[in-house]
C-alpha atoms as a PDB file:
ATOM      1  CA  MET A   1     118.640 106.476  79.628  1.00  0.00           C
ATOM      2  CA  LYS A   2     119.772 105.015  82.928  1.00  0.00           C
ATOM      3  CA  SER A   3     117.300 103.920  85.568  1.00  0.00           C
ATOM      4  CA  THR A   4     118.193 103.559  89.203  1.00  0.00           C
ATOM      5  CA  GLN A   5     116.701 101.549  92.013  1.00  0.00           C
ATOM      6  CA  GLU A   6     116.568 102.539  95.631  1.00  0.00           C
ATOM      7  CA  LYS A   7     118.364 100.323  98.071  1.00  0.00           C
ATOM      8  CA  LYS A   8     117.206  99.692 101.597  1.00  0.00           C
ATOM      9  CA  GLU A   9     120.459 101.159 102.976  1.00  0.00           C
ATOM     10  CA  GLN A  10     120.172 104.336 100.872  1.00  0.00           C
ATOM     11  CA  HIS A  11     116.653 105.208 101.911  1.00  0.00           C
ATOM     12  CA  GLY A  12     116.833 106.565 105.441  1.00  0.00           C
ATOM     13  CA  THR A  13     114.181 108.187 107.575  1.00  0.00           C
ATOM     14  CA  ASP A  14     115.518 111.668 106.725  1.00  0.00           C
ATOM     15  CA  LYS A  15     113.825 111.489 103.301  1.00  0.00           C
ATOM     16  CA  LYS A  16     110.391 110.748 104.766  1.00  0.00           C
ATOM     17  CA  LYS A  17     107.874 113.576 104.498  1.00  0.00           C
ATOM     18  CA  TRP A  18     104.610 114.060 106.361  1.00  0.00           C
ATOM     19  CA  PHE A  19     101.329 114.828 104.616  1.00  0.00           C
ATOM     20  CA  LEU A  20      98.037 115.990 106.127  1.00  0.00           C
ATOM     21  CA  LEU A  21      94.730 115.048 104.521  1.00  0.00           C
ATOM     22  CA  ASP A  22      91.346 116.343 105.657  1.00  0.00           C
ATOM     23  CA  ALA A  23      88.870 113.541 104.926  1.00  0.00           C
ATOM     24  CA  ALA A  24      85.785 115.732 105.334  1.00  0.00           C
ATOM     25  CA  GLU A  25      83.699 115.486 102.150  1.00  0.00           C
ATOM     26  CA  GLU A  26      86.312 113.283 100.421  1.00  0.00           C
ATOM     27  CA  THR A  27      85.042 110.167  98.654  1.00  0.00           C
ATOM     28  CA  LEU A  28      86.334 107.114 100.511  1.00  0.00           C
ATOM     29  CA  GLY A  29      87.693 105.061  97.610  1.00  0.00           C
ATOM     30  CA  ARG A  30      89.369 107.930  95.784  1.00  0.00           C
ATOM     31  CA  MET A  31      90.967 109.166  98.986  1.00  0.00           C
ATOM     32  CA  ALA A  32      92.167 105.660  99.889  1.00  0.00           C
ATOM     33  CA  VAL A  33      93.945 105.305  96.529  1.00  0.00           C
ATOM     34  CA  ARG A  34      95.803 108.604  97.050  1.00  0.00           C
ATOM     35  CA  VAL A  35      96.807 107.628 100.595  1.00  0.00           C
ATOM     36  CA  ALA A  36      97.924 104.117  99.584  1.00  0.00           C
ATOM     37  CA  ASN A  37     100.093 105.495  96.772  1.00  0.00           C
ATOM     38  CA  ILE A  38     101.805 107.943  99.138  1.00  0.00           C
ATOM     39  CA  LEU A  39     102.361 105.243 101.772  1.00  0.00           C
ATOM     40  CA  ARG A  40     104.020 103.010  99.153  1.00  0.00           C
ATOM     41  CA  GLY A  41     105.995 105.887  97.598  1.00  0.00           C
ATOM     42  CA  ARG A  42     104.428 105.616  94.166  1.00  0.00           C
ATOM     43  CA  ASN A  43     104.228 109.400  93.916  1.00  0.00           C
ATOM     44  CA  LYS A  44     108.049 109.678  93.874  1.00  0.00           C
ATOM     45  CA  PRO A  45     110.436 109.244  90.945  1.00  0.00           C
ATOM     46  CA  THR A  46     112.559 106.954  93.153  1.00  0.00           C
ATOM     47  CA  TYR A  47     109.734 104.415  93.631  1.00  0.00           C
ATOM     48  CA  THR A  48     111.025 100.870  93.920  1.00  0.00           C
ATOM     49  CA  PRO A  49     108.497  98.090  94.563  1.00  0.00           C
ATOM     50  CA  HIS A  50     110.656  96.089  96.979  1.00  0.00           C
ATOM     51  CA  VAL A  51     111.851  99.049  99.113  1.00  0.00           C
ATOM     52  CA  ASP A  52     109.792 101.146 101.515  1.00  0.00           C
ATOM     53  CA  THR A  53     110.106 104.600  99.915  1.00  0.00           C
ATOM     54  CA  GLY A  54     106.764 105.916 101.174  1.00  0.00           C
ATOM     55  CA  ASP A  55     105.923 108.860 103.387  1.00  0.00           C
ATOM     56  CA  PHE A  56     103.764 109.394 106.465  1.00  0.00           C
ATOM     57  CA  VAL A  57     100.107 110.379 106.055  1.00  0.00           C
ATOM     58  CA  VAL A  58      97.939 111.956 108.759  1.00  0.00           C
ATOM     59  CA  VAL A  59      94.190 111.771 108.049  1.00  0.00           C
ATOM     60  CA  VAL A  60      91.885 113.975 110.132  1.00  0.00           C
ATOM     61  CA  ASN A  61      88.065 114.097 110.246  1.00  0.00           C
ATOM     62  CA  ALA A  62      87.918 110.410 109.323  1.00  0.00           C
ATOM     63  CA  GLU A  63      84.323 110.112 110.503  1.00  0.00           C
ATOM     64  CA  LYS A  64      83.198 112.651 107.878  1.00  0.00           C
ATOM     65  CA  VAL A  65      84.401 110.694 104.847  1.00  0.00           C
ATOM     66  CA  ARG A  66      81.771 110.429 102.110  1.00  0.00           C
ATOM     67  CA  LEU A  67      80.268 107.277 100.654  1.00  0.00           C
ATOM     68  CA  THR A  68      78.357 107.574  97.388  1.00  0.00           C
ATOM     69  CA  GLY A  69      74.893 106.228  96.724  1.00  0.00           C
ATOM     70  CA  GLU A  70      73.304 104.149  99.479  1.00  0.00           C
ATOM     71  CA  LYS A  71      76.563 102.559 100.616  1.00  0.00           C
ATOM     72  CA  ASP A  72      76.167 103.981 104.105  1.00  0.00           C
ATOM     73  CA  LEU A  73      73.241 101.607 104.657  1.00  0.00           C
ATOM     74  CA  ARG A  74      73.927  98.780 102.209  1.00  0.00           C
ATOM     75  CA  LYS A  75      77.686  98.266 102.558  1.00  0.00           C
ATOM     76  CA  LYS A  76      78.321  95.656 105.250  1.00  0.00           C
ATOM     77  CA  TYR A  77      81.452  94.628 107.089  1.00  0.00           C
ATOM     78  CA  MET A  78      81.635  91.053 108.394  1.00  0.00           C
ATOM     79  CA  PHE A  79      83.424  89.994 111.570  1.00  0.00           C
ATOM     80  CA  TYR A  80      83.887  86.390 112.661  1.00  0.00           C
ATOM     81  CA  THR A  81      84.836  85.407 116.203  1.00  0.00           C
ATOM     82  CA  GLY A  82      85.809  81.849 115.370  1.00  0.00           C
ATOM     83  CA  TYR A  83      82.816  80.269 117.097  1.00  0.00           C
ATOM     84  CA  MET A  84      80.060  78.595 115.090  1.00  0.00           C
ATOM     85  CA  GLY A  85      77.242  80.975 114.234  1.00  0.00           C
ATOM     86  CA  ASN A  86      79.108  84.052 115.449  1.00  0.00           C
ATOM     87  CA  GLU A  87      79.308  86.001 112.213  1.00  0.00           C
ATOM     88  CA  LYS A  88      78.540  89.643 112.907  1.00  0.00           C
ATOM     89  CA  TYR A  89      77.560  92.115 110.206  1.00  0.00           C
ATOM     90  CA  ARG A  90      77.636  95.882 110.613  1.00  0.00           C
ATOM     91  CA  THR A  91      76.764  98.554 108.087  1.00  0.00           C
ATOM     92  CA  ALA A  92      79.109 101.371 107.186  1.00  0.00           C
ATOM     93  CA  ALA A  93      76.910 103.815 109.130  1.00  0.00           C
ATOM     94  CA  GLN A  94      77.193 101.676 112.276  1.00  0.00           C
ATOM     95  CA  MET A  95      80.973 101.403 111.874  1.00  0.00           C
ATOM     96  CA  ARG A  96      81.256 105.164 111.365  1.00  0.00           C
ATOM     97  CA  GLN A  97      79.339 105.705 114.624  1.00  0.00           C
ATOM     98  CA  ARG A  98      81.236 103.094 116.663  1.00  0.00           C
ATOM     99  CA  GLN A  99      84.756 103.570 115.255  1.00  0.00           C
ATOM    100  CA  GLY A 100      85.199 106.590 113.016  1.00  0.00           C
ATOM    101  CA  ARG A 101      88.696 105.497 111.945  1.00  0.00           C
ATOM    102  CA  PHE A 102      87.700 102.038 110.709  1.00  0.00           C
ATOM    103  CA  LEU A 103      86.357 102.990 107.273  1.00  0.00           C
ATOM    104  CA  VAL A 104      89.523 104.825 106.243  1.00  0.00           C
ATOM    105  CA  GLU A 105      91.956 102.256 107.664  1.00  0.00           C
ATOM    106  CA  HIS A 106      90.062  99.330 106.142  1.00  0.00           C
ATOM    107  CA  ALA A 107      89.859 100.945 102.694  1.00  0.00           C
ATOM    108  CA  VAL A 108      93.555 101.852 102.622  1.00  0.00           C
ATOM    109  CA  ARG A 109      94.598  98.405 103.872  1.00  0.00           C
ATOM    110  CA  GLY A 110      92.580  96.811 101.075  1.00  0.00           C
ATOM    111  CA  MET A 111      94.486  98.823  98.460  1.00  0.00           C
ATOM    112  CA  MET A 112      97.915  97.828  99.723  1.00  0.00           C
ATOM    113  CA  PRO A 113      99.727  94.679  98.565  1.00  0.00           C
ATOM    114  CA  LYS A 114      99.395  91.706 100.876  1.00  0.00           C
ATOM    115  CA  ASN A 115     102.968  91.411 102.167  1.00  0.00           C
ATOM    116  CA  ARG A 116     105.319  92.495 104.968  1.00  0.00           C
ATOM    117  CA  LEU A 117     106.270  95.705 103.187  1.00  0.00           C
ATOM    118  CA  ALA A 118     102.639  96.830 103.212  1.00  0.00           C
ATOM    119  CA  ALA A 119     102.327  95.978 106.901  1.00  0.00           C
ATOM    120  CA  ALA A 120     105.273  98.295 107.594  1.00  0.00           C
ATOM    121  CA  ALA A 121     103.760 101.001 105.378  1.00  0.00           C
ATOM    122  CA  MET A 122     100.439 100.836 107.248  1.00  0.00           C
ATOM    123  CA  LYS A 123     102.286 101.880 110.413  1.00  0.00           C
ATOM    124  CA  LYS A 124     102.941 105.218 108.691  1.00  0.00           C
ATOM    125  CA  LEU A 125      99.202 105.903 108.391  1.00  0.00           C
ATOM    126  CA  LYS A 126      97.819 107.991 111.267  1.00  0.00           C
ATOM    127  CA  VAL A 127      94.016 108.351 111.278  1.00  0.00           C
ATOM    128  CA  TYR A 128      92.154 110.618 113.708  1.00  0.00           C
ATOM    129  CA  VAL A 129      88.513 111.360 114.414  1.00  0.00           C
ATOM    130  CA  GLY A 130      88.047 115.121 114.526  1.00  0.00           C
ATOM    131  CA  PRO A 131      90.312 117.921 113.299  1.00  0.00           C
ATOM    132  CA  ALA A 132      93.015 117.642 115.996  1.00  0.00           C
ATOM    133  CA  HIS A 133      96.169 115.547 115.681  1.00  0.00           C
ATOM    134  CA  PRO A 134      99.425 115.350 117.723  1.00  0.00           C
ATOM    135  CA  HIS A 135     101.815 115.551 114.737  1.00  0.00           C
ATOM    136  CA  GLY A 136     102.181 119.312 114.490  1.00  0.00           C
ATOM    137  CA  ALA A 137     105.925 119.127 115.205  1.00  0.00           C
ATOM    138  CA  GLN A 138     106.472 117.214 111.952  1.00  0.00           C
ATOM    139  CA  ASN A 139     105.042 120.124 109.918  1.00  0.00           C
ATOM    140  CA  PRO A 140     102.839 118.005 107.626  1.00  0.00           C
ATOM    141  CA  GLU A 141     102.113 119.378 104.165  1.00  0.00           C
ATOM    142  CA  LYS A 142      98.449 119.640 103.168  1.00  0.00           C
ATOM    143  CA  LEU A 143      97.302 117.419 100.327  1.00  0.00           C
END
């Protein structure tokens, strides 16, 4: 059996597909794994770890994503300004209210490898609060 590897020159933008995911009532972690795998291209038979073979993902209703248990109140996100004593902590419920996109983007970013390829793949993630999105011309497939 012969295995092939994608090359950067072979994989053009014409092979990229668009997917639409409605985050309403989806569990955050499980949804983030699915999105991260599509962004990296792990759902394709031509997956190659060192080549960007992933597709675009549009996530709508990001503010309605579900957290299990009491994570809405107990899960905390820490921000540090760089000044002494300026650590800020916010719960998941506060982050959902202030920035509805943050929970989804942060979870997906945490499931990507920490390298330049993942930074490029994160640019293919489009997260929107509410059901509307401006990518109708790309005809995204529903997940």
